[in-house]
């Protein structure tokens, strides 16, 4: 599978201040493809973790 198979992406951010850079990185990684996305601000289990990404793809 490739990024073309991604149909849904959820990003869990440790800090809301990362939202803008997260959005830019997502657009760049997906090559401008529009898919269903959600960004959620959460407390992480490990303080060094800045982001966790959940991806659903279909082939």
C-alpha atoms as a PDB file:
ATOM      1  CA  UNK A   1       0.000   0.000   0.000  1.00  0.00           C
ATOM      2  CA  UNK A   2       0.975   3.633  -0.479  1.00  0.00           C
ATOM      3  CA  UNK A   3      -0.311   6.951   0.815  1.00  0.00           C
ATOM      4  CA  UNK A   4      -2.874   6.757  -1.992  1.00  0.00           C
ATOM      5  CA  UNK A   5      -4.599   3.982   0.001  1.00  0.00           C
ATOM      6  CA  UNK A   6      -5.051   6.130   3.127  1.00  0.00           C
ATOM      7  CA  UNK A   7      -8.729   6.880   3.737  1.00  0.00           C
ATOM      8  CA  UNK A   8      -8.634   8.237   7.300  1.00  0.00           C
ATOM      9  CA  UNK A   9      -5.986   9.760   9.540  1.00  0.00           C
ATOM     10  CA  UNK A  10      -6.169  10.671  13.223  1.00  0.00           C
ATOM     11  CA  UNK A  11      -3.372  12.610  14.877  1.00  0.00           C
ATOM     12  CA  UNK A  12      -2.973  12.791  18.645  1.00  0.00           C
ATOM     13  CA  UNK A  13      -0.959  15.886  19.587  1.00  0.00           C
ATOM     14  CA  UNK A  14       0.688  16.413  22.953  1.00  0.00           C
ATOM     15  CA  UNK A  15       0.262  20.185  22.675  1.00  0.00           C
ATOM     16  CA  UNK A  16      -2.209  22.313  20.706  1.00  0.00           C
ATOM     17  CA  UNK A  17       0.670  24.567  19.624  1.00  0.00           C
ATOM     18  CA  UNK A  18       1.736  21.761  17.248  1.00  0.00           C
ATOM     19  CA  UNK A  19      -1.534  21.910  15.271  1.00  0.00           C
ATOM     20  CA  UNK A  20      -0.299  24.173  12.480  1.00  0.00           C
ATOM     21  CA  UNK A  21       2.929  22.259  11.814  1.00  0.00           C
ATOM     22  CA  UNK A  22       0.983  18.995  12.036  1.00  0.00           C
ATOM     23  CA  UNK A  23      -1.433  20.203   9.364  1.00  0.00           C
ATOM     24  CA  UNK A  24       1.390  21.279   7.073  1.00  0.00           C
ATOM     25  CA  UNK A  25       3.199  17.959   7.530  1.00  0.00           C
ATOM     26  CA  UNK A  26      -0.012  16.031   6.805  1.00  0.00           C
ATOM     27  CA  UNK A  27      -0.680  17.962   3.581  1.00  0.00           C
ATOM     28  CA  UNK A  28       2.914  17.458   2.447  1.00  0.00           C
ATOM     29  CA  UNK A  29       2.921  13.729   3.288  1.00  0.00           C
ATOM     30  CA  UNK A  30      -0.374  13.144   1.481  1.00  0.00           C
ATOM     31  CA  UNK A  31       0.689  15.132  -1.572  1.00  0.00           C
ATOM     32  CA  UNK A  32      -2.343  17.414  -1.246  1.00  0.00           C
ATOM     33  CA  UNK A  33      -4.868  14.531  -1.203  1.00  0.00           C
ATOM     34  CA  UNK A  34      -7.988  15.337   0.783  1.00  0.00           C
ATOM     35  CA  UNK A  35      -9.040  12.619   3.242  1.00  0.00           C
ATOM     36  CA  UNK A  36     -10.988  12.483   6.497  1.00  0.00           C
ATOM     37  CA  UNK A  37      -8.718  13.743   9.285  1.00  0.00           C
ATOM     38  CA  UNK A  38      -8.994  14.465  12.976  1.00  0.00           C
ATOM     39  CA  UNK A  39      -6.480  16.093  15.332  1.00  0.00           C
ATOM     40  CA  UNK A  40      -6.914  15.586  19.063  1.00  0.00           C
ATOM     41  CA  UNK A  41      -4.877  17.123  21.889  1.00  0.00           C
ATOM     42  CA  UNK A  42      -4.070  14.495  24.534  1.00  0.00           C
ATOM     43  CA  UNK A  43      -1.762  13.785  27.423  1.00  0.00           C
ATOM     44  CA  UNK A  44       0.836  11.226  26.325  1.00  0.00           C
ATOM     45  CA  UNK A  45       2.201   8.409  28.467  1.00  0.00           C
ATOM     46  CA  UNK A  46       5.787   9.411  27.716  1.00  0.00           C
ATOM     47  CA  UNK A  47       6.669  13.120  27.828  1.00  0.00           C
ATOM     48  CA  UNK A  48       9.084  12.803  24.870  1.00  0.00           C
ATOM     49  CA  UNK A  49       6.243  11.736  22.565  1.00  0.00           C
ATOM     50  CA  UNK A  50       4.982  14.766  20.644  1.00  0.00           C
ATOM     51  CA  UNK A  51       2.586  13.041  18.264  1.00  0.00           C
ATOM     52  CA  UNK A  52       0.914   9.706  17.648  1.00  0.00           C
ATOM     53  CA  UNK A  53      -0.684   8.940  14.290  1.00  0.00           C
ATOM     54  CA  UNK A  54      -3.424   6.430  13.524  1.00  0.00           C
ATOM     55  CA  UNK A  55      -3.904   5.634   9.830  1.00  0.00           C
ATOM     56  CA  UNK A  56      -6.633   3.614   8.147  1.00  0.00           C
ATOM     57  CA  UNK A  57      -5.927   2.422   4.629  1.00  0.00           C
ATOM     58  CA  UNK A  58      -7.963   0.404   2.164  1.00  0.00           C
ATOM     59  CA  UNK A  59      -6.733  -1.578  -0.757  1.00  0.00           C
END
